[in-house]
Amino acid sequence: MTALISLLGGGLGALLRFVPEIFKLFAEQKDRDHEFRMTQLQLEIDRARATQQLDLVHAQGELAVQAGEMDAYIEAIKAQQQPSGVRWVDAMNASVRPVITYWWMALMSVYKLVMFVIASIEIYVALQAAHSLAETAPLLGAFVNKVWTPDDAAILAMILGFWFVDRSIRKNSGK
């Protein structure tokens, strides 16, 4: 029995000598997994930075194009302002924008008048059919939406912007 206990003790002692090596293997595996995860994370960060820089370059390019277009627009307007030396050509050139604006505003006014009349007739008929004051509120909203639309506001803004931008460009260029 002593021999058996000695053999077991020796075998167990030899086996216990390998326990730190086994722990070392697990620690190395854990370190390799950690390094792999860190490498993957660094790759994702690098990809995100590259994408961000590409987006920045695209945005800067778009801004440069827009600035170039605005400069070209200003130069085109300035070039149109240069007199040709022929009085009737200069007079006609000077009258093109105002005539088109007045013509457009006349057409727009006639169209809006027709829309106002149609909407007035529709709301009159709807008000005759309404049985209470609460039924008239949506009808008035519909009336306003027919008479003044977002497209009307956009057209008015374009016309006013055109004239006032032109005026400020002339003012800044000294004409």
Protein backbone atom coordinates (compact mmCIF):
# COMPACT_ATOMS: atom_id res chain seq x y z
CA MET A 1 0.00 0.00 0.00
CA THR A 2 2.84 2.36 0.76
CA ALA A 3 4.19 1.63 -2.65
CA LEU A 4 0.83 2.41 -4.15
CA ILE A 5 0.55 5.64 -2.16
CA SER A 6 4.09 6.56 -3.21
CA LEU A 7 3.26 5.86 -6.82
CA LEU A 8 0.05 7.85 -6.56
CA GLY A 9 1.85 10.69 -4.78
CA GLY A 10 4.56 10.75 -7.42
CA GLY A 11 2.05 10.61 -10.27
CA LEU A 12 -0.11 13.27 -8.65
CA GLY A 13 2.97 15.42 -8.07
CA ALA A 14 3.97 15.04 -11.73
CA LEU A 15 0.44 15.87 -12.79
CA LEU A 16 0.33 18.94 -10.57
CA ARG A 17 3.52 20.18 -12.24
CA PHE A 18 1.52 20.46 -15.47
CA VAL A 19 -1.30 22.53 -13.89
CA PRO A 20 0.58 25.87 -14.28
CA GLU A 21 1.31 24.96 -17.90
CA ILE A 22 -2.39 24.27 -18.50
CA PHE A 23 -3.28 27.62 -16.92
CA LYS A 24 -0.62 29.23 -19.08
CA LEU A 25 -2.24 27.71 -22.22
CA PHE A 26 -5.65 29.10 -21.21
CA ALA A 27 -4.11 32.54 -20.52
CA GLU A 28 -2.35 32.53 -23.91
CA GLN A 29 -5.61 31.59 -25.64
CA LYS A 30 -7.38 34.38 -23.80
CA ASP A 31 -4.62 36.84 -24.82
CA ARG A 32 -4.88 35.75 -28.47
CA ASP A 33 -8.67 36.21 -28.40
CA HIS A 34 -8.22 39.65 -26.83
CA GLU A 35 -5.66 40.64 -29.50
CA PHE A 36 -7.99 39.39 -32.24
CA ARG A 37 -10.92 41.43 -30.87
CA MET A 38 -8.71 44.51 -30.54
CA THR A 39 -7.52 44.10 -34.14
CA GLN A 40 -11.12 43.76 -35.35
CA LEU A 41 -12.12 46.87 -33.39
CA GLN A 42 -9.18 48.83 -34.80
CA LEU A 43 -10.19 47.78 -38.34
CA GLU A 44 -13.74 49.01 -37.73
CA ILE A 45 -12.43 52.33 -36.39
CA ASP A 46 -10.15 52.70 -39.43
CA ARG A 47 -13.08 51.96 -41.76
CA ALA A 48 -15.23 54.55 -39.99
CA ARG A 49 -12.46 57.16 -40.21
CA ALA A 50 -11.95 56.46 -43.92
CA THR A 51 -15.68 56.78 -44.57
CA GLN A 52 -15.81 60.02 -42.59
CA GLN A 53 -12.88 61.45 -44.52
CA LEU A 54 -14.48 60.48 -47.84
CA ASP A 55 -17.71 62.17 -46.79
CA LEU A 56 -15.72 65.27 -45.82
CA VAL A 57 -13.96 65.32 -49.19
CA HIS A 58 -17.30 64.95 -51.01
CA ALA A 59 -18.85 67.77 -48.96
CA GLN A 60 -15.88 70.05 -49.64
CA GLY A 61 -16.11 69.23 -53.34
CA GLU A 62 -19.82 70.06 -53.40
CA LEU A 63 -19.18 73.35 -51.62
CA ALA A 64 -16.47 74.24 -54.12
CA VAL A 65 -18.80 73.45 -57.03
CA GLN A 66 -21.59 75.53 -55.50
CA ALA A 67 -19.22 78.44 -54.91
CA GLY A 68 -18.04 78.20 -58.52
CA GLU A 69 -21.62 78.14 -59.78
CA MET A 70 -22.49 81.19 -57.69
CA ASP A 71 -19.44 83.06 -59.01
CA ALA A 72 -20.41 82.12 -62.57
CA TYR A 73 -23.97 83.32 -61.95
CA ILE A 74 -22.73 86.65 -60.60
CA GLU A 75 -20.37 87.08 -63.55
CA ALA A 76 -23.18 86.27 -66.00
CA ILE A 77 -25.42 88.90 -64.43
CA LYS A 78 -22.58 91.42 -64.52
CA ALA A 79 -21.95 90.61 -68.19
CA GLN A 80 -25.61 91.19 -69.00
CA GLN A 81 -25.36 94.64 -67.45
CA GLN A 82 -22.66 95.78 -69.87
CA PRO A 83 -24.12 98.14 -72.48
CA SER A 84 -23.62 97.24 -76.12
CA GLY A 85 -23.49 100.82 -77.35
CA VAL A 86 -26.65 100.50 -79.47
CA ARG A 87 -29.43 102.42 -77.70
CA TRP A 88 -32.40 100.34 -78.81
CA VAL A 89 -30.59 97.05 -78.03
CA ASP A 90 -29.64 98.32 -74.59
CA ALA A 91 -33.22 99.53 -74.00
CA MET A 92 -34.65 96.16 -75.07
CA ASN A 93 -32.11 94.30 -72.93
CA ALA A 94 -33.01 96.46 -69.94
CA SER A 95 -36.74 95.88 -70.48
CA VAL A 96 -36.72 92.07 -70.82
CA ARG A 97 -36.81 91.21 -67.12
CA PRO A 98 -39.38 93.81 -66.10
CA VAL A 99 -41.68 92.95 -69.02
CA ILE A 100 -41.50 89.22 -68.27
CA THR A 101 -42.08 89.90 -64.58
CA TYR A 102 -45.13 92.09 -65.25
CA TRP A 103 -46.48 89.56 -67.77
CA TRP A 104 -46.02 86.71 -65.31
CA MET A 105 -47.59 88.70 -62.48
CA ALA A 106 -50.57 89.56 -64.72
CA LEU A 107 -51.04 85.88 -65.64
CA MET A 108 -50.64 84.89 -62.02
CA SER A 109 -53.14 87.52 -60.90
CA VAL A 110 -55.74 86.35 -63.43
CA TYR A 111 -55.18 82.74 -62.39
CA LYS A 112 -55.48 83.63 -58.70
CA LEU A 113 -58.63 85.66 -59.37
CA VAL A 114 -60.20 82.69 -61.14
CA MET A 115 -59.16 80.40 -58.26
CA PHE A 116 -60.61 82.88 -55.77
CA VAL A 117 -63.94 82.98 -57.61
CA ILE A 118 -64.10 79.18 -57.88
CA ALA A 119 -63.17 78.73 -54.22
CA SER A 120 -65.69 81.41 -53.20
CA ILE A 121 -68.48 79.66 -55.08
CA GLU A 122 -67.51 76.31 -53.57
CA ILE A 123 -67.40 77.68 -50.03
CA TYR A 124 -70.69 79.53 -50.54
CA VAL A 125 -72.36 76.30 -51.61
CA ALA A 126 -70.71 74.40 -48.74
CA LEU A 127 -71.75 77.05 -46.20
CA GLN A 128 -75.35 76.84 -47.44
CA ALA A 129 -75.25 73.10 -46.82
CA ALA A 130 -73.55 73.42 -43.40
CA HIS A 131 -75.80 72.96 -40.41
CA SER A 132 -73.50 74.32 -37.70
CA LEU A 133 -70.60 76.68 -37.15
CA ALA A 134 -68.26 73.75 -36.41
CA GLU A 135 -68.75 72.47 -39.96
CA THR A 136 -67.53 75.76 -41.46
CA ALA A 137 -64.00 75.78 -39.96
CA PRO A 138 -62.62 73.05 -42.27
CA LEU A 139 -64.32 74.76 -45.21
CA LEU A 140 -62.47 78.01 -44.51
CA GLY A 141 -59.18 76.10 -44.28
CA ALA A 142 -59.88 74.49 -47.66
CA PHE A 143 -60.69 77.93 -49.08
CA VAL A 144 -57.36 79.35 -47.93
CA ASN A 145 -55.49 76.29 -49.27
CA LYS A 146 -57.04 76.79 -52.71
CA VAL A 147 -56.40 80.52 -52.85
CA TRP A 148 -52.78 80.48 -51.55
CA THR A 149 -50.70 77.33 -52.12
CA PRO A 150 -47.07 76.56 -51.31
CA ASP A 151 -46.36 76.80 -55.04
CA ASP A 152 -47.70 80.37 -55.03
CA ALA A 153 -45.40 81.23 -52.14
CA ALA A 154 -42.43 79.68 -53.96
CA ILE A 155 -43.15 81.64 -57.16
CA LEU A 156 -43.49 84.89 -55.24
CA ALA A 157 -40.26 84.18 -53.35
CA MET A 158 -38.42 83.49 -56.62
CA ILE A 159 -39.61 86.70 -58.23
CA LEU A 160 -38.83 88.84 -55.21
CA GLY A 161 -35.50 87.10 -54.68
CA PHE A 162 -34.57 87.61 -58.31
CA TRP A 163 -35.21 91.33 -58.18
CA PHE A 164 -33.66 91.96 -54.78
CA VAL A 165 -30.61 89.75 -55.42
CA ASP A 166 -30.08 91.57 -58.71
CA ARG A 167 -30.39 94.90 -56.93
CA SER A 168 -27.87 93.96 -54.25
CA ILE A 169 -25.43 92.63 -56.87
CA ARG A 170 -25.70 95.91 -58.75
CA LYS A 171 -25.22 97.81 -55.50
CA ASN A 172 -22.13 95.80 -54.57
CA SER A 173 -20.62 96.13 -58.04
CA GLY A 174 -21.16 99.90 -58.01
CA LYS A 175 -23.77 100.10 -60.79
